Structure formats: structure tokens, C-alpha cells
């Protein structure tokens, strides 16, 4: 079975640069702009740069918080990105 990655486009990161890199590796991915429980995937990339507080406002207002909690904490899907390194980001899900 081919694994698929979703890239969360919350407006916080450089999606074009990221997709160029992933294209060069020939991985399958889908860019997702809103949470959708019907998407089948194995990994999540959540690109983000800039202010942590702005990022959290975006995550919560676009309802990514519950999607991430359900898929990463409960279903144990892999999450990659810059924001998850922040201790406050991790505490949100605990």
C-alpha cells in the first residue's frame, strides 16, 4: 500500500517550497486547507513559521486543533513541522 502524506495549508508556511522538495522525492501528498475526516493519509506535515500565538489562533479558528488531536494523539499518525517543537503547542493536545 502506498503511503500518503497530507500538508496542512493554514497560511503559515511556504507551501510551494515544501511541495517542490516533496515532488523531487516522488512522494504522494495532498494539500489540505480545511479539516476533513474523509481523507485517507499516513502522515501530516504542518508547516509553519513566524509567531507562535498567530499560529495557534489560525489552528483554532480553522478547527485544526481537534483534527490534529484526533489523528496524532489518538490515532498515532506522524506529525512533522516546526510548530510541534514548541512546548505550548504540545500542551494543547495533552
C-alpha atoms as a PDB file:
ATOM      1  CA  UNK A   1       0.000   0.000   0.000  1.00  0.00           C
ATOM      2  CA  UNK A   2       1.344   3.411  -0.966  1.00  0.00           C
ATOM      3  CA  UNK A   3       1.600   5.843   1.904  1.00  0.00           C
ATOM      4  CA  UNK A   4       0.178   9.322   1.525  1.00  0.00           C
ATOM      5  CA  UNK A   5       1.026  12.500   3.348  1.00  0.00           C
ATOM      6  CA  UNK A   6      -1.219  15.492   3.824  1.00  0.00           C
ATOM      7  CA  UNK A   7       0.177  19.003   4.008  1.00  0.00           C
ATOM      8  CA  UNK A   8      -1.943  21.334   6.102  1.00  0.00           C
ATOM      9  CA  UNK A   9      -2.128  24.714   4.400  1.00  0.00           C
ATOM     10  CA  UNK A  10      -3.108  27.082   7.169  1.00  0.00           C
ATOM     11  CA  UNK A  11      -1.405  30.059   5.555  1.00  0.00           C
ATOM     12  CA  UNK A  12       1.559  29.854   7.936  1.00  0.00           C
ATOM     13  CA  UNK A  13       4.270  28.339   5.755  1.00  0.00           C
ATOM     14  CA  UNK A  14       5.817  28.288   2.312  1.00  0.00           C
ATOM     15  CA  UNK A  15       3.812  25.510   0.676  1.00  0.00           C
ATOM     16  CA  UNK A  16       5.473  25.897  -2.750  1.00  0.00           C
ATOM     17  CA  UNK A  17       8.952  25.338  -1.383  1.00  0.00           C
ATOM     18  CA  UNK A  18       7.774  22.325   0.585  1.00  0.00           C
ATOM     19  CA  UNK A  19       5.912  20.731  -2.324  1.00  0.00           C
ATOM     20  CA  UNK A  20       8.907  21.239  -4.629  1.00  0.00           C
ATOM     21  CA  UNK A  21      11.005  19.273  -2.176  1.00  0.00           C
ATOM     22  CA  UNK A  22       8.422  16.505  -1.814  1.00  0.00           C
ATOM     23  CA  UNK A  23       7.932  16.344  -5.597  1.00  0.00           C
ATOM     24  CA  UNK A  24      11.661  15.759  -6.028  1.00  0.00           C
ATOM     25  CA  UNK A  25      11.362  12.771  -3.679  1.00  0.00           C
ATOM     26  CA  UNK A  26       8.351  11.494  -5.638  1.00  0.00           C
ATOM     27  CA  UNK A  27       6.192  11.077  -2.515  1.00  0.00           C
ATOM     28  CA  UNK A  28       2.415  11.168  -2.729  1.00  0.00           C
ATOM     29  CA  UNK A  29       0.780  14.062  -0.924  1.00  0.00           C
ATOM     30  CA  UNK A  30      -2.308  16.204  -0.849  1.00  0.00           C
ATOM     31  CA  UNK A  31      -2.551  19.836   0.224  1.00  0.00           C
ATOM     32  CA  UNK A  32      -5.466  20.274   2.603  1.00  0.00           C
ATOM     33  CA  UNK A  33      -6.912  23.662   3.546  1.00  0.00           C
ATOM     34  CA  UNK A  34      -9.608  22.543   5.984  1.00  0.00           C
ATOM     35  CA  UNK A  35     -10.049  19.544   8.295  1.00  0.00           C
ATOM     36  CA  UNK A  36     -11.757  16.630   6.590  1.00  0.00           C
ATOM     37  CA  UNK A  37     -12.232  13.294   8.315  1.00  0.00           C
ATOM     38  CA  UNK A  38     -12.709  11.514   4.966  1.00  0.00           C
ATOM     39  CA  UNK A  39      -9.119  11.998   3.852  1.00  0.00           C
ATOM     40  CA  UNK A  40      -7.022   8.840   3.949  1.00  0.00           C
ATOM     41  CA  UNK A  41      -3.416   9.511   4.932  1.00  0.00           C
ATOM     42  CA  UNK A  42      -0.498   8.222   6.986  1.00  0.00           C
ATOM     43  CA  UNK A  43       1.447  11.354   7.851  1.00  0.00           C
ATOM     44  CA  UNK A  44       0.784  15.034   8.437  1.00  0.00           C
ATOM     45  CA  UNK A  45       3.093  17.914   7.604  1.00  0.00           C
ATOM     46  CA  UNK A  46       2.129  21.130   9.335  1.00  0.00           C
ATOM     47  CA  UNK A  47       4.454  23.827   8.000  1.00  0.00           C
ATOM     48  CA  UNK A  48       4.686  26.995   9.991  1.00  0.00           C
ATOM     49  CA  UNK A  49       6.880  29.991  10.535  1.00  0.00           C
ATOM     50  CA  UNK A  50       6.599  33.187  12.497  1.00  0.00           C
ATOM     51  CA  UNK A  51       4.654  33.986  15.642  1.00  0.00           C
ATOM     52  CA  UNK A  52       3.508  31.081  17.784  1.00  0.00           C
ATOM     53  CA  UNK A  53       0.459  32.991  19.050  1.00  0.00           C
ATOM     54  CA  UNK A  54      -0.615  33.838  15.485  1.00  0.00           C
ATOM     55  CA  UNK A  55      -0.159  30.192  14.508  1.00  0.00           C
ATOM     56  CA  UNK A  56      -2.316  28.962  17.381  1.00  0.00           C
ATOM     57  CA  UNK A  57      -5.040  31.479  16.533  1.00  0.00           C
ATOM     58  CA  UNK A  58      -5.045  30.135  12.972  1.00  0.00           C
ATOM     59  CA  UNK A  59      -5.083  26.492  14.106  1.00  0.00           C
ATOM     60  CA  UNK A  60      -8.012  27.030  16.438  1.00  0.00           C
ATOM     61  CA  UNK A  61     -10.042  29.342  14.190  1.00  0.00           C
ATOM     62  CA  UNK A  62      -9.752  26.921  11.261  1.00  0.00           C
ATOM     63  CA  UNK A  63     -10.595  23.977  13.554  1.00  0.00           C
ATOM     64  CA  UNK A  64      -7.315  22.144  13.001  1.00  0.00           C
ATOM     65  CA  UNK A  65      -6.856  21.631  16.747  1.00  0.00           C
ATOM     66  CA  UNK A  66      -9.394  18.802  17.038  1.00  0.00           C
ATOM     67  CA  UNK A  67      -8.270  17.236  13.754  1.00  0.00           C
ATOM     68  CA  UNK A  68      -4.648  17.166  14.907  1.00  0.00           C
ATOM     69  CA  UNK A  69      -5.552  15.868  18.355  1.00  0.00           C
ATOM     70  CA  UNK A  70      -7.684  13.077  16.935  1.00  0.00           C
ATOM     71  CA  UNK A  71      -5.174  11.964  14.315  1.00  0.00           C
ATOM     72  CA  UNK A  72      -1.872  12.475  16.103  1.00  0.00           C
ATOM     73  CA  UNK A  73      -2.700  11.779  19.741  1.00  0.00           C
ATOM     74  CA  UNK A  74      -5.470   9.215  19.344  1.00  0.00           C
ATOM     75  CA  UNK A  75      -4.682   7.530  16.007  1.00  0.00           C
ATOM     76  CA  UNK A  76      -0.879   7.914  16.369  1.00  0.00           C
ATOM     77  CA  UNK A  77      -0.325   9.418  12.904  1.00  0.00           C
ATOM     78  CA  UNK A  78       3.060  11.030  12.335  1.00  0.00           C
ATOM     79  CA  UNK A  79       3.211  14.830  12.611  1.00  0.00           C
ATOM     80  CA  UNK A  80       6.068  16.836  11.196  1.00  0.00           C
ATOM     81  CA  UNK A  81       6.570  20.575  11.223  1.00  0.00           C
ATOM     82  CA  UNK A  82       8.101  23.474  13.092  1.00  0.00           C
ATOM     83  CA  UNK A  83       5.292  24.301  15.498  1.00  0.00           C
ATOM     84  CA  UNK A  84       5.229  20.973  17.294  1.00  0.00           C
ATOM     85  CA  UNK A  85       8.644  21.712  18.801  1.00  0.00           C
ATOM     86  CA  UNK A  86       7.064  24.421  20.933  1.00  0.00           C
ATOM     87  CA  UNK A  87       6.148  23.122  24.410  1.00  0.00           C
ATOM     88  CA  UNK A  88       2.930  25.154  24.442  1.00  0.00           C
ATOM     89  CA  UNK A  89       1.848  23.523  21.169  1.00  0.00           C
ATOM     90  CA  UNK A  90       2.370  20.076  22.708  1.00  0.00           C
ATOM     91  CA  UNK A  91       0.489  21.043  25.900  1.00  0.00           C
ATOM     92  CA  UNK A  92      -2.575  21.959  23.841  1.00  0.00           C
ATOM     93  CA  UNK A  93      -3.072  18.303  22.947  1.00  0.00           C
ATOM     94  CA  UNK A  94      -2.430  16.793  26.390  1.00  0.00           C
END
